[in-house]
Amino acid sequence: MVVLALAGCGLYGVIASILCTLIGKQHLAQWITARCFYHVMKLMLGLDVKVVGEENLAKKPYIMIANHQSTLDIFMLGRIFPPGCTVTAKKSLKYVPFLGWFMALSGTYFLDRSKSQEAIDTLNKGLENVKKNKRALWVFPEGTRSYTSELTMLPFKKGAFHLAQQGKIPIVPVVVSNTSTLVSPKYGVFNRGCMIVRILKPISTENLTKDKIGEFAEKVRDQMVDTLKEIGYSPAINDTTLPPQAIEYAALQHDKKVNKKIKNEPVPSVSISNDVNTHNEGSSVKKMH
């Protein structure tokens, strides 16, 4: 059922991309398709996305960067993807039926990592379009999905930061709660629930020099990891199981609440069969009976 829905969204994307191109609105094709995908998957998978800081996307141009965790990243994109934004993707995706066709028709910037100069030329073309037309570019600086159940991120590649420095346009960090409580092949997790997305304030690159890009990228990554530790894990309805790291995190949050003796707020149990806090803003993971 899910596979058919994905194929249907891909086909919708192909048609939307063709129509948008014909009327001179190709830049809206990915946004239109992303919204369709979000609403379909929300109904089918019992998932949702809570966004904090969406006002930070108001002023383009900018380059958005986010942590890259699992296939659920596509669902998250469907919710927060702003109009006029374009993604970068590895070139092999271009040849995937429906999805690749849609991505190619909607203006995706495909990168062949084995051909660095070709990838650089593609990104420079994207930068020119972003600046000229006041658009946005979405990049996952980790370069690949981490599938981690820890509150951390892989080392960042510097491509997005070089582009921002060249174009003197801001970086907008997007931090997504750890999704291993929703999907984790390693631990056999497949739960319903909610992804928490925090969009941080744009970071200027106006005075950034080329020799400081590496240091700048590390500082941005540190800020994003710190934010991830604040957000924690995605609240989930525990239909299957939970990663041990999420259970440990829930226990720590439970102890903090006990120690602080929060007034008028019930303290949840740390049992899998009861409420388990895995999200630092008060959401919980629940076992369905």
Protein backbone atom coordinates (compact mmCIF):
# COMPACT_ATOMS: atom_id res chain seq x y z
CA MET A 1 0.00 0.00 0.00
CA VAL A 2 2.76 2.40 1.00
CA VAL A 3 4.78 1.53 -2.11
CA LEU A 4 1.75 2.23 -4.30
CA ALA A 5 1.21 5.55 -2.52
CA LEU A 6 4.84 6.50 -3.09
CA ALA A 7 4.56 5.61 -6.76
CA GLY A 8 1.35 7.64 -6.98
CA CYS A 9 3.03 10.67 -5.41
CA GLY A 10 5.93 10.26 -7.82
CA LEU A 11 3.56 10.17 -10.79
CA TYR A 12 1.71 13.20 -9.42
CA GLY A 13 5.09 14.93 -9.17
CA VAL A 14 5.91 14.16 -12.80
CA ILE A 15 2.58 15.62 -13.97
CA ALA A 16 2.87 18.63 -11.65
CA SER A 17 6.42 19.30 -12.87
CA ILE A 18 5.38 19.22 -16.52
CA LEU A 19 2.43 21.52 -15.93
CA CYS A 20 4.45 23.94 -13.78
CA THR A 21 7.18 24.07 -16.43
CA LEU A 22 4.64 24.79 -19.16
CA ILE A 23 3.28 27.79 -17.25
CA GLY A 24 6.72 29.03 -16.24
CA LYS A 25 6.47 27.95 -12.60
CA GLN A 26 8.91 25.03 -12.47
CA HIS A 27 10.33 26.38 -9.20
CA LEU A 28 7.04 25.49 -7.46
CA ALA A 29 6.91 21.86 -8.62
CA GLN A 30 8.90 20.38 -5.72
CA TRP A 31 6.89 22.35 -3.15
CA ILE A 32 3.55 21.23 -4.64
CA THR A 33 4.65 17.58 -4.78
CA ALA A 34 6.19 17.71 -1.29
CA ARG A 35 2.89 18.86 0.19
CA CYS A 36 1.01 16.05 -1.56
CA PHE A 37 3.50 13.48 -0.27
CA TYR A 38 3.24 14.84 3.28
CA HIS A 39 -0.56 14.61 3.45
CA VAL A 40 -0.71 11.12 1.89
CA MET A 41 1.98 9.68 4.16
CA LYS A 42 0.50 11.37 7.22
CA LEU A 43 -2.75 9.48 6.68
CA MET A 44 -1.14 6.15 5.76
CA LEU A 45 1.65 5.94 8.33
CA GLY A 46 0.15 7.75 11.30
CA LEU A 47 3.01 10.25 11.36
CA ASP A 48 3.12 14.01 11.72
CA VAL A 49 5.64 16.86 11.86
CA LYS A 50 5.67 19.67 14.42
CA VAL A 51 7.64 22.72 13.24
CA VAL A 52 9.14 25.39 15.49
CA GLY A 53 10.68 28.54 14.01
CA GLU A 54 9.01 28.48 10.60
CA GLU A 55 9.16 32.29 10.55
CA ASN A 56 12.91 31.95 9.92
CA LEU A 57 12.13 30.83 6.36
CA ALA A 58 10.39 34.06 5.39
CA LYS A 59 13.26 35.91 3.72
CA LYS A 60 15.03 34.32 0.75
CA PRO A 61 17.61 33.64 -0.61
CA TYR A 62 19.27 31.14 1.72
CA ILE A 63 20.75 27.65 1.87
CA MET A 64 18.94 25.25 4.20
CA ILE A 65 20.95 22.48 5.85
CA ALA A 66 19.51 19.64 7.93
CA ASN A 67 20.56 16.42 9.64
CA HIS A 68 20.04 13.37 7.41
CA GLN A 69 18.73 10.33 9.29
CA SER A 70 16.44 7.96 7.40
CA THR A 71 13.77 7.62 4.71
CA LEU A 72 11.51 9.70 6.98
CA ASP A 73 13.52 12.75 5.94
CA ILE A 74 11.39 12.83 2.77
CA PHE A 75 8.24 13.02 4.91
CA MET A 76 9.75 15.88 6.93
CA LEU A 77 10.66 17.69 3.71
CA GLY A 78 7.06 17.38 2.59
CA ARG A 79 5.94 19.44 5.57
CA ILE A 80 8.50 22.27 5.73
CA PHE A 81 9.78 22.54 2.17
CA PRO A 82 9.31 26.24 1.26
CA PRO A 83 8.01 27.41 -2.14
CA GLY A 84 10.85 28.07 -4.57
CA CYS A 85 13.27 25.69 -2.83
CA THR A 86 15.21 23.01 -4.73
CA VAL A 87 17.04 19.98 -3.41
CA THR A 88 20.41 18.48 -4.26
CA ALA A 89 20.60 14.70 -4.72
CA LYS A 90 23.03 12.00 -5.77
CA LYS A 91 22.94 11.39 -9.52
CA SER A 92 21.88 7.74 -9.22
CA LEU A 93 18.43 8.85 -8.02
CA LYS A 94 17.82 10.41 -11.41
CA TYR A 95 17.18 6.96 -12.88
CA VAL A 96 14.70 5.72 -10.26
CA PRO A 97 11.22 5.34 -11.85
CA PHE A 98 8.71 8.04 -10.89
CA LEU A 99 10.87 9.60 -8.16
CA GLY A 100 13.82 10.24 -10.47
CA TRP A 101 11.59 11.44 -13.28
CA PHE A 102 9.87 13.90 -10.96
CA MET A 103 13.17 15.14 -9.53
CA ALA A 104 14.66 15.67 -12.99
CA LEU A 105 11.59 17.49 -14.31
CA SER A 106 11.30 19.72 -11.23
CA GLY A 107 14.84 21.10 -11.38
CA THR A 108 16.77 18.98 -8.86
CA TYR A 109 20.54 19.50 -8.89
CA PHE A 110 22.03 16.03 -9.33
CA LEU A 111 25.58 15.54 -8.05
CA ASP A 112 28.04 12.87 -9.18
CA ARG A 113 30.46 12.58 -6.28
CA SER A 114 32.96 10.69 -8.46
CA LYS A 115 33.27 13.75 -10.70
CA SER A 116 34.09 16.63 -8.39
CA GLN A 117 34.41 19.34 -11.04
CA GLU A 118 31.07 18.39 -12.58
CA ALA A 119 29.46 18.52 -9.13
CA ILE A 120 31.02 21.93 -8.46
CA ASP A 121 29.72 23.26 -11.78
CA THR A 122 26.22 21.97 -10.96
CA LEU A 123 26.27 23.62 -7.54
CA ASN A 124 27.52 26.90 -8.97
CA LYS A 125 24.62 26.84 -11.42
CA GLY A 126 22.27 26.28 -8.48
CA LEU A 127 23.85 29.15 -6.55
CA GLU A 128 23.38 31.51 -9.49
CA ASN A 129 19.69 30.60 -9.69
CA VAL A 130 19.18 30.97 -5.93
CA LYS A 131 20.72 34.45 -5.86
CA LYS A 132 19.19 35.76 -9.07
CA ASN A 133 15.63 34.63 -8.37
CA LYS A 134 15.68 34.81 -4.55
CA ARG A 135 15.11 31.11 -4.10
CA ALA A 136 16.38 28.50 -1.62
CA LEU A 137 18.58 25.42 -1.87
CA TRP A 138 18.27 22.40 0.43
CA VAL A 139 21.43 20.44 1.32
CA PHE A 140 22.07 17.54 3.71
CA PRO A 141 25.67 18.33 4.72
CA GLU A 142 26.27 14.87 6.23
CA GLY A 143 26.18 13.56 2.67
CA THR A 144 24.36 10.32 3.55
CA ARG A 145 21.76 9.00 5.99
CA SER A 146 23.20 8.33 9.43
CA TYR A 147 20.51 5.89 10.71
CA THR A 148 21.82 6.77 14.16
CA SER A 149 19.98 6.16 17.41
CA GLU A 150 22.31 8.58 19.20
CA LEU A 151 21.74 12.32 19.56
CA THR A 152 24.53 13.27 17.20
CA MET A 153 25.33 13.90 13.51
CA LEU A 154 27.94 12.72 11.06
CA PRO A 155 30.77 15.11 10.12
CA PHE A 156 29.64 17.82 7.70
CA LYS A 157 30.88 18.11 4.15
CA LYS A 158 31.77 21.69 3.24
CA GLY A 159 29.96 22.10 -0.12
CA ALA A 160 26.96 24.02 1.22
CA PHE A 161 29.21 26.34 3.20
CA HIS A 162 31.44 27.09 0.21
CA LEU A 163 28.33 27.99 -1.79
CA ALA A 164 27.00 30.24 0.96
CA GLN A 165 30.37 31.98 1.26
CA GLN A 166 30.64 32.48 -2.50
CA GLY A 167 27.16 33.91 -2.79
CA LYS A 168 27.22 35.78 0.52
CA ILE A 169 23.84 34.27 1.37
CA PRO A 170 22.75 32.97 4.79
CA ILE A 171 22.75 29.40 6.07
CA VAL A 172 19.48 28.31 7.71
CA PRO A 173 20.06 25.28 9.99
CA VAL A 174 17.18 22.83 10.34
CA VAL A 175 17.35 20.33 13.20
CA VAL A 176 15.12 17.26 13.23
CA SER A 177 14.50 15.16 16.35
CA ASN A 178 16.09 11.72 16.27
CA THR A 179 13.71 9.46 14.33
CA SER A 180 15.00 6.07 15.52
CA THR A 181 11.95 5.93 17.82
CA LEU A 182 9.79 5.91 14.67
CA VAL A 183 11.88 3.85 12.25
CA SER A 184 15.03 1.84 12.95
CA PRO A 185 15.87 -1.27 10.90
CA LYS A 186 18.62 -2.13 13.40
CA TYR A 187 16.22 -2.41 16.35
CA GLY A 188 13.08 -3.46 14.47
CA VAL A 189 11.32 -0.17 15.19
CA PHE A 190 8.30 0.89 13.12
CA ASN A 191 6.09 3.21 15.16
CA ARG A 192 3.59 5.98 14.65
CA GLY A 193 4.42 9.36 16.07
CA CYS A 194 5.63 12.90 15.46
CA MET A 195 8.89 14.39 14.18
CA ILE A 196 9.94 17.63 15.86
CA VAL A 197 11.65 20.15 13.57
CA ARG A 198 13.34 23.28 14.88
CA ILE A 199 14.35 25.88 12.27
CA LEU A 200 17.14 28.05 13.63
CA LYS A 201 17.73 31.69 12.77
CA PRO A 202 19.62 32.41 9.51
CA ILE A 203 23.39 32.66 9.96
CA SER A 204 25.04 35.37 7.89
CA THR A 205 28.05 34.59 5.69
CA GLU A 206 28.54 38.21 4.65
CA ASN A 207 31.93 38.50 6.35
CA LEU A 208 32.97 34.86 6.02
CA THR A 209 36.32 34.36 4.28
CA LYS A 210 37.32 31.25 2.37
CA ASP A 211 40.01 30.26 4.86
CA LYS A 212 37.45 30.22 7.70
CA ILE A 213 34.86 27.98 6.03
CA GLY A 214 35.98 24.80 7.82
CA GLU A 215 35.83 26.48 11.22
CA PHE A 216 32.46 28.04 10.38
CA ALA A 217 31.02 24.65 9.33
CA GLU A 218 32.15 23.08 12.61
CA LYS A 219 30.54 25.85 14.65
CA VAL A 220 27.25 25.44 12.78
CA ARG A 221 27.38 21.66 13.28
CA ASP A 222 28.06 22.11 17.01
CA GLN A 223 25.07 24.45 17.27
CA MET A 224 22.86 21.92 15.48
CA VAL A 225 24.03 19.00 17.65
CA ASP A 226 23.40 21.05 20.81
CA THR A 227 19.89 21.81 19.52
CA LEU A 228 19.32 18.12 18.73
CA LYS A 229 20.24 17.21 22.31
CA GLU A 230 17.68 19.75 23.52
CA ILE A 231 14.95 18.40 21.23
CA GLY A 232 15.73 14.75 21.88
CA TYR A 233 13.90 11.84 20.27
CA SER A 234 10.74 11.92 18.19
CA PRO A 235 7.64 11.21 20.33
CA ALA A 236 6.20 7.88 19.22
CA ILE A 237 3.33 5.50 19.87
CA ASN A 238 5.23 2.38 20.81
CA ASP A 239 3.64 -0.16 18.44
CA THR A 240 6.80 -2.26 18.20
CA THR A 241 9.76 -1.35 20.39
CA LEU A 242 12.19 1.49 21.14
CA PRO A 243 15.95 1.84 20.74
CA PRO A 244 17.82 1.40 24.07
CA GLN A 245 19.35 4.87 23.71
CA ALA A 246 15.87 6.43 23.62
CA ILE A 247 14.80 4.50 26.73
CA GLU A 248 17.94 5.67 28.55
CA TYR A 249 17.27 9.26 27.48
CA ALA A 250 13.68 8.95 28.74
CA ALA A 251 14.92 7.76 32.11
CA LEU A 252 17.27 10.74 32.40
CA GLN A 253 14.46 13.17 31.53
CA HIS A 254 12.26 11.44 34.10
CA ASP A 255 14.89 11.85 36.81
CA LYS A 256 15.35 15.54 35.96
CA LYS A 257 11.62 16.13 36.34
CA VAL A 258 11.57 14.34 39.67
CA ASN A 259 14.51 16.37 40.93
CA LYS A 260 13.01 19.67 39.84
CA LYS A 261 9.62 18.71 41.29
CA ILE A 262 7.68 20.39 38.51
CA LYS A 263 4.45 21.73 39.93
CA ASN A 264 1.10 20.47 38.63
CA GLU A 265 2.77 18.19 36.09
CA PRO A 266 2.52 14.38 36.39
CA VAL A 267 5.80 12.50 36.31
CA PRO A 268 5.64 9.66 33.74
CA SER A 269 6.80 6.12 34.40
CA VAL A 270 9.92 4.81 32.68
CA SER A 271 8.26 1.56 31.70
CA ILE A 272 7.87 0.75 28.01
CA SER A 273 4.25 -0.14 28.70
CA ASN A 274 3.51 3.32 30.09
CA ASP A 275 4.34 6.90 29.07
CA VAL A 276 8.01 7.38 28.31
CA ASN A 277 9.38 10.85 27.67
CA THR A 278 11.82 10.82 24.78
CA HIS A 279 11.30 14.42 23.78
CA ASN A 280 12.54 17.27 25.93
CA GLU A 281 9.52 19.48 25.32
CA GLY A 282 7.04 17.25 27.11
CA SER A 283 5.85 14.84 24.42
CA SER A 284 5.81 11.14 25.21
CA VAL A 285 6.08 7.69 23.74
CA LYS A 286 3.09 5.52 24.49
CA LYS A 287 2.31 1.82 24.31
CA MET A 288 -1.01 1.10 22.62
CA HIS A 289 -3.12 -1.60 24.26
